PDB file of all heavy atoms in Angstrom:
ATOM      1  N   ARG A   1     -36.885  17.783  24.806  1.00  0.00           N
ATOM      2  CA  ARG A   1     -37.680  16.943  25.886  1.00  0.00           C
ATOM      3  C   ARG A   1     -38.277  17.799  26.796  1.00  0.00           C
ATOM      4  O   ARG A   1     -39.321  17.485  27.422  1.00  0.00           O
ATOM      5  CB  ARG A   1     -36.876  15.802  26.529  1.00  0.00           C
ATOM      6  CG  ARG A   1     -36.449  14.718  25.602  1.00  0.00           C
ATOM      7  CD  ARG A   1     -35.593  13.761  26.234  1.00  0.00           C
ATOM      8  NE  ARG A   1     -35.098  12.719  25.333  1.00  0.00           N
ATOM      9  CZ  ARG A   1     -34.244  11.726  25.610  1.00  0.00           C
ATOM     10  NH1 ARG A   1     -33.709  11.692  26.956  1.00  0.00           N
ATOM     11  NH2 ARG A   1     -33.966  10.786  24.880  1.00  0.00           N
ATOM     12  N   THR A   2     -37.750  19.039  27.154  1.00  0.00           N
ATOM     13  CA  THR A   2     -38.335  19.932  28.095  1.00  0.00           C
ATOM     14  C   THR A   2     -39.689  20.474  27.623  1.00  0.00           C
ATOM     15  O   THR A   2     -40.512  20.940  28.457  1.00  0.00           O
ATOM     16  CB  THR A   2     -37.452  21.169  28.382  1.00  0.00           C
ATOM     17  OG1 THR A   2     -37.181  21.882  27.024  1.00  0.00           O
ATOM     18  CG2 THR A   2     -36.091  20.801  28.960  1.00  0.00           C
ATOM     19  N   GLU A   3     -39.992  20.327  26.360  1.00  0.00           N
ATOM     20  CA  GLU A   3     -41.260  20.715  25.872  1.00  0.00           C
ATOM     21  C   GLU A   3     -42.344  19.673  25.964  1.00  0.00           C
ATOM     22  O   GLU A   3     -43.543  19.968  25.605  1.00  0.00           O
ATOM     23  CB  GLU A   3     -41.182  21.139  24.393  1.00  0.00           C
ATOM     24  CG  GLU A   3     -40.055  22.215  24.045  1.00  0.00           C
ATOM     25  CD  GLU A   3     -40.447  23.560  24.702  1.00  0.00           C
ATOM     26  OE1 GLU A   3     -41.710  23.780  24.842  1.00  0.00           O
ATOM     27  OE2 GLU A   3     -39.502  24.332  25.020  1.00  0.00           O
ATOM     28  N   ILE A   4     -42.078  18.527  26.376  1.00  0.00           N
ATOM     29  CA  ILE A   4     -42.965  17.407  26.334  1.00  0.00           C
ATOM     30  C   ILE A   4     -43.829  17.375  27.626  1.00  0.00           C
ATOM     31  O   ILE A   4     -43.418  17.611  28.651  1.00  0.00           O
ATOM     32  CB  ILE A   4     -42.244  15.970  26.251  1.00  0.00           C
ATOM     33  CG1 ILE A   4     -41.358  15.987  24.906  1.00  0.00           C
ATOM     34  CG2 ILE A   4     -43.208  14.824  26.285  1.00  0.00           C
ATOM     35  CD1 ILE A   4     -40.450  14.784  24.848  1.00  0.00           C
ATOM     36  N   GLY A   5     -45.189  17.073  27.394  1.00  0.00           N
ATOM     37  CA  GLY A   5     -46.146  17.079  28.488  1.00  0.00           C
ATOM     38  C   GLY A   5     -46.477  15.736  29.117  1.00  0.00           C
ATOM     39  O   GLY A   5     -46.701  15.640  30.284  1.00  0.00           O
ATOM     40  N   ASN A   6     -46.531  14.754  28.167  1.00  0.00           N
ATOM     41  CA  ASN A   6     -47.004  13.450  28.627  1.00  0.00           C
ATOM     42  C   ASN A   6     -48.310  13.415  29.434  1.00  0.00           C
ATOM     43  O   ASN A   6     -48.437  12.713  30.355  1.00  0.00           O
ATOM     44  CB  ASN A   6     -45.954  12.722  29.630  1.00  0.00           C
ATOM     45  CG  ASN A   6     -44.696  12.297  28.645  1.00  0.00           C
ATOM     46  OD1 ASN A   6     -44.775  11.857  27.633  1.00  0.00           O
ATOM     47  ND2 ASN A   6     -43.488  12.556  29.186  1.00  0.00           N
ATOM     48  N   LYS A   7     -49.269  14.176  28.862  1.00  0.00           N
ATOM     49  CA  LYS A   7     -50.563  14.366  29.529  1.00  0.00           C
ATOM     50  C   LYS A   7     -51.656  13.737  28.754  1.00  0.00           C
ATOM     51  O   LYS A   7     -52.609  13.376  29.225  1.00  0.00           O
ATOM     52  CB  LYS A   7     -50.841  15.861  29.821  1.00  0.00           C
ATOM     53  CG  LYS A   7     -49.887  16.430  30.877  1.00  0.00           C
ATOM     54  CD  LYS A   7     -50.266  17.903  31.123  1.00  0.00           C
ATOM     55  CE  LYS A   7     -49.340  18.477  32.304  1.00  0.00           C
ATOM     56  NZ  LYS A   7     -49.600  19.868  32.534  1.00  0.00           N
ATOM     57  N   LYS A   8     -51.497  13.733  27.385  1.00  0.00           N
ATOM     58  CA  LYS A   8     -52.606  13.127  26.503  1.00  0.00           C
ATOM     59  C   LYS A   8     -51.868  12.267  25.535  1.00  0.00           C
ATOM     60  O   LYS A   8     -50.657  12.426  25.066  1.00  0.00           O
ATOM     61  CB  LYS A   8     -53.115  14.242  25.780  1.00  0.00           C
ATOM     62  CG  LYS A   8     -53.980  15.175  26.555  1.00  0.00           C
ATOM     63  CD  LYS A   8     -54.362  16.458  25.839  1.00  0.00           C
ATOM     64  CE  LYS A   8     -55.353  16.071  24.692  1.00  0.00           C
ATOM     65  NZ  LYS A   8     -55.902  17.336  24.109  1.00  0.00           N
ATOM     66  N   PRO A   9     -52.540  11.133  25.020  1.00  0.00           N
ATOM     67  CA  PRO A   9     -52.077  10.288  24.021  1.00  0.00           C
ATOM     68  C   PRO A   9     -51.743  11.044  22.725  1.00  0.00           C
ATOM     69  O   PRO A   9     -52.402  12.029  22.483  1.00  0.00           O
ATOM     70  CB  PRO A   9     -52.988   9.228  23.861  1.00  0.00           C
ATOM     71  CG  PRO A   9     -53.963   9.230  25.047  1.00  0.00           C
ATOM     72  CD  PRO A   9     -53.894  10.638  25.490  1.00  0.00           C
ATOM     73  N   MET A  10     -50.732  10.635  21.977  1.00  0.00           N
ATOM     74  CA  MET A  10     -50.489  11.380  20.708  1.00  0.00           C
ATOM     75  C   MET A  10     -51.418  11.068  19.642  1.00  0.00           C
ATOM     76  O   MET A  10     -51.715  11.907  18.835  1.00  0.00           O
ATOM     77  CB  MET A  10     -49.049  10.974  20.192  1.00  0.00           C
ATOM     78  CG  MET A  10     -47.916  11.632  21.002  1.00  0.00           C
ATOM     79  SD  MET A  10     -46.371  11.761  20.039  1.00  0.00           S
ATOM     80  CE  MET A  10     -45.793   9.991  20.161  1.00  0.00           C
ATOM     81  N   ILE A  11     -52.048   9.870  19.690  1.00  0.00           N
ATOM     82  CA  ILE A  11     -53.201   9.603  18.872  1.00  0.00           C
ATOM     83  C   ILE A  11     -54.531   9.928  19.545  1.00  0.00           C
ATOM     84  O   ILE A  11     -54.773   9.484  20.634  1.00  0.00           O
ATOM     85  CB  ILE A  11     -53.249   8.112  18.408  1.00  0.00           C
ATOM     86  CG1 ILE A  11     -52.038   7.798  17.461  1.00  0.00           C
ATOM     87  CG2 ILE A  11     -54.454   7.715  17.786  1.00  0.00           C
ATOM     88  CD1 ILE A  11     -52.006   6.342  16.963  1.00  0.00           C
ATOM     89  N   GLY A  12     -55.412  10.681  18.863  1.00  0.00           N
ATOM     90  CA  GLY A  12     -56.545  11.122  19.511  1.00  0.00           C
ATOM     91  C   GLY A  12     -57.773  10.434  18.898  1.00  0.00           C
ATOM     92  O   GLY A  12     -57.649   9.386  18.213  1.00  0.00           O
ATOM     93  N   PRO A  13     -59.047  10.963  19.176  1.00  0.00           N
ATOM     94  CA  PRO A  13     -60.229  10.332  18.803  1.00  0.00           C
ATOM     95  C   PRO A  13     -60.429  10.566  17.232  1.00  0.00           C
ATOM     96  O   PRO A  13     -60.106  11.556  16.715  1.00  0.00           O
ATOM     97  CB  PRO A  13     -61.326  11.048  19.440  1.00  0.00           C
ATOM     98  CG  PRO A  13     -60.750  12.326  19.881  1.00  0.00           C
ATOM     99  CD  PRO A  13     -59.280  12.096  20.082  1.00  0.00           C
ATOM    100  N   TYR A  14     -60.944   9.602  16.533  1.00  0.00           N
ATOM    101  CA  TYR A  14     -61.185   9.460  15.135  1.00  0.00           C
ATOM    102  C   TYR A  14     -62.543   9.977  14.754  1.00  0.00           C
ATOM    103  O   TYR A  14     -63.450   9.953  15.543  1.00  0.00           O
ATOM    104  CB  TYR A  14     -60.983   8.114  14.537  1.00  0.00           C
ATOM    105  CG  TYR A  14     -59.536   7.600  14.525  1.00  0.00           C
ATOM    106  CD1 TYR A  14     -59.047   7.003  15.747  1.00  0.00           C
ATOM    107  CD2 TYR A  14     -58.711   7.706  13.465  1.00  0.00           C
ATOM    108  CE1 TYR A  14     -57.817   6.450  15.798  1.00  0.00           C
ATOM    109  CE2 TYR A  14     -57.391   7.158  13.549  1.00  0.00           C
ATOM    110  CZ  TYR A  14     -56.965   6.693  14.651  1.00  0.00           C
ATOM    111  OH  TYR A  14     -55.693   6.233  14.759  1.00  0.00           O
ATOM    112  N   GLY A  15     -62.610  10.448  13.648  1.00  0.00           N
ATOM    113  CA  GLY A  15     -63.953  10.896  12.909  1.00  0.00           C
ATOM    114  C   GLY A  15     -64.539  12.096  13.418  1.00  0.00           C
ATOM    115  O   GLY A  15     -65.760  12.348  13.212  1.00  0.00           O
ATOM    116  N   VAL A  16     -63.795  13.010  14.090  1.00  0.00           N
ATOM    117  CA  VAL A  16     -64.254  14.309  14.547  1.00  0.00           C
ATOM    118  C   VAL A  16     -63.451  15.443  14.195  1.00  0.00           C
ATOM    119  O   VAL A  16     -63.595  16.522  14.884  1.00  0.00           O
ATOM    120  CB  VAL A  16     -64.500  14.173  16.132  1.00  0.00           C
ATOM    121  CG1 VAL A  16     -65.770  13.212  16.477  1.00  0.00           C
ATOM    122  CG2 VAL A  16     -63.204  13.673  16.789  1.00  0.00           C
ATOM    123  N   ASN A  17     -62.582  15.380  13.224  1.00  0.00           N
ATOM    124  CA  ASN A  17     -61.653  16.394  12.896  1.00  0.00           C
ATOM    125  C   ASN A  17     -60.978  16.944  14.181  1.00  0.00           C
ATOM    126  O   ASN A  17     -60.876  18.144  14.440  1.00  0.00           O
ATOM    127  CB  ASN A  17     -62.415  17.594  12.264  1.00  0.00           C
ATOM    128  CG  ASN A  17     -61.541  18.651  11.680  1.00  0.00           C
ATOM    129  OD1 ASN A  17     -60.576  18.310  10.938  1.00  0.00           O
ATOM    130  ND2 ASN A  17     -61.847  19.959  11.778  1.00  0.00           N
ATOM    131  N   TYR A  18     -60.354  15.933  14.838  1.00  0.00           N
ATOM    132  CA  TYR A  18     -59.588  16.347  16.125  1.00  0.00           C
ATOM    133  C   TYR A  18     -58.541  17.318  15.891  1.00  0.00           C
ATOM    134  O   TYR A  18     -57.565  16.995  15.285  1.00  0.00           O
ATOM    135  CB  TYR A  18     -59.039  14.974  16.716  1.00  0.00           C
ATOM    136  CG  TYR A  18     -58.384  15.136  17.996  1.00  0.00           C
ATOM    137  CD1 TYR A  18     -59.071  15.525  19.160  1.00  0.00           C
ATOM    138  CD2 TYR A  18     -57.057  14.813  18.054  1.00  0.00           C
ATOM    139  CE1 TYR A  18     -58.404  15.609  20.422  1.00  0.00           C
ATOM    140  CE2 TYR A  18     -56.352  14.890  19.353  1.00  0.00           C
ATOM    141  CZ  TYR A  18     -57.014  15.237  20.447  1.00  0.00           C
ATOM    142  OH  TYR A  18     -56.414  15.361  21.620  1.00  0.00           O
ATOM    143  N   GLY A  19     -58.778  18.471  16.587  1.00  0.00           N
ATOM    144  CA  GLY A  19     -57.716  19.511  16.430  1.00  0.00           C
ATOM    145  C   GLY A  19     -56.915  19.884  17.750  1.00  0.00           C
ATOM    146  O   GLY A  19     -55.994  20.577  17.649  1.00  0.00           O
ATOM    147  N   ASP A  20     -57.392  19.212  18.798  1.00  0.00           N
ATOM    148  CA  ASP A  20     -56.818  19.487  20.104  1.00  0.00           C
ATOM    149  C   ASP A  20     -55.676  18.561  20.470  1.00  0.00           C
ATOM    150  O   ASP A  20     -55.450  18.025  21.502  1.00  0.00           O
ATOM    151  CB  ASP A  20     -57.886  19.441  21.161  1.00  0.00           C
ATOM    152  CG  ASP A  20     -57.306  20.111  22.573  1.00  0.00           C
ATOM    153  OD1 ASP A  20     -56.416  20.929  22.479  1.00  0.00           O
ATOM    154  OD2 ASP A  20     -57.953  19.607  23.646  1.00  0.00           O
ATOM    155  N   TYR A  21     -54.832  18.310  19.435  1.00  0.00           N
ATOM    156  CA  TYR A  21     -53.791  17.263  19.565  1.00  0.00           C
ATOM    157  C   TYR A  21     -52.702  17.941  20.446  1.00  0.00           C
ATOM    158  O   TYR A  21     -52.502  19.181  20.390  1.00  0.00           O
ATOM    159  CB  TYR A  21     -53.237  16.708  18.340  1.00  0.00           C
ATOM    160  CG  TYR A  21     -52.877  17.808  17.189  1.00  0.00           C
ATOM    161  CD1 TYR A  21     -51.626  18.617  17.270  1.00  0.00           C
ATOM    162  CD2 TYR A  21     -53.777  18.249  16.312  1.00  0.00           C
ATOM    163  CE1 TYR A  21     -51.364  19.477  16.353  1.00  0.00           C
ATOM    164  CE2 TYR A  21     -53.535  19.191  15.354  1.00  0.00           C
ATOM    165  CZ  TYR A  21     -52.298  19.816  15.357  1.00  0.00           C
ATOM    166  OH  TYR A  21     -51.954  20.812  14.491  1.00  0.00           O
ATOM    167  N   PRO A  22     -52.001  17.146  21.276  1.00  0.00           N
ATOM    168  CA  PRO A  22     -50.959  17.659  22.142  1.00  0.00           C
ATOM    169  C   PRO A  22     -49.685  18.093  21.465  1.00  0.00           C
ATOM    170  O   PRO A  22     -49.428  17.480  20.333  1.00  0.00           O
ATOM    171  CB  PRO A  22     -50.788  16.627  23.121  1.00  0.00           C
ATOM    172  CG  PRO A  22     -50.996  15.384  22.346  1.00  0.00           C
ATOM    173  CD  PRO A  22     -52.089  15.686  21.393  1.00  0.00           C
ATOM    174  N   ILE A  23     -48.978  18.931  22.076  1.00  0.00           N
ATOM    175  CA  ILE A  23     -47.673  19.351  21.490  1.00  0.00           C
ATOM    176  C   ILE A  23     -46.824  18.192  21.476  1.00  0.00           C
ATOM    177  O   ILE A  23     -45.744  18.240  20.795  1.00  0.00           O
ATOM    178  CB  ILE A  23     -47.128  20.625  22.330  1.00  0.00           C
ATOM    179  CG1 ILE A  23     -46.093  21.358  21.417  1.00  0.00           C
ATOM    180  CG2 ILE A  23     -46.569  20.111  23.642  1.00  0.00           C
ATOM    181  CD1 ILE A  23     -45.535  22.670  22.098  1.00  0.00           C
ATOM    182  N   ASP A  24     -47.068  17.171  22.152  1.00  0.00           N
ATOM    183  CA  ASP A  24     -46.147  15.981  22.252  1.00  0.00           C
ATOM    184  C   ASP A  24     -46.135  15.371  20.776  1.00  0.00           C
ATOM    185  O   ASP A  24     -45.135  14.597  20.541  1.00  0.00           O
ATOM    186  CB  ASP A  24     -46.758  14.889  23.170  1.00  0.00           C
ATOM    187  CG  ASP A  24     -46.539  15.365  24.589  1.00  0.00           C
ATOM    188  OD1 ASP A  24     -46.047  16.540  24.803  1.00  0.00           O
ATOM    189  OD2 ASP A  24     -47.015  14.559  25.433  1.00  0.00           O
ATOM    190  N   VAL A  25     -47.028  15.565  19.846  1.00  0.00           N
ATOM    191  CA  VAL A  25     -46.867  14.988  18.496  1.00  0.00           C
ATOM    192  C   VAL A  25     -45.638  15.525  17.905  1.00  0.00           C
ATOM    193  O   VAL A  25     -45.096  14.898  16.870  1.00  0.00           O
ATOM    194  CB  VAL A  25     -48.124  15.182  17.677  1.00  0.00           C
ATOM    195  CG1 VAL A  25     -49.358  14.662  18.247  1.00  0.00           C
ATOM    196  CG2 VAL A  25     -48.316  16.685  17.349  1.00  0.00           C
ATOM    197  N   TYR A  26     -45.142  16.659  18.312  1.00  0.00           N
ATOM    198  CA  TYR A  26     -43.946  17.097  17.819  1.00  0.00           C
ATOM    199  C   TYR A  26     -42.649  16.676  18.625  1.00  0.00           C
ATOM    200  O   TYR A  26     -41.960  15.796  18.053  1.00  0.00           O
ATOM    201  CB  TYR A  26     -43.894  18.767  18.022  1.00  0.00           C
ATOM    202  CG  TYR A  26     -44.832  19.523  17.145  1.00  0.00           C
ATOM    203  CD1 TYR A  26     -46.194  19.671  17.593  1.00  0.00           C
ATOM    204  CD2 TYR A  26     -44.610  20.060  15.978  1.00  0.00           C
ATOM    205  CE1 TYR A  26     -47.149  20.331  16.876  1.00  0.00           C
ATOM    206  CE2 TYR A  26     -45.386  20.764  15.149  1.00  0.00           C
ATOM    207  CZ  TYR A  26     -46.722  20.806  15.616  1.00  0.00           C
ATOM    208  OH  TYR A  26     -47.658  21.630  14.960  1.00  0.00           O
TER     209      TYR A  26
END
């Protein structure tokens, strides 16, 4: 849990090859 940021939603914008997903998805 020390690695979690809680700054961006885990689901990002669709249709744009979203690559800037947060480390929170892990």
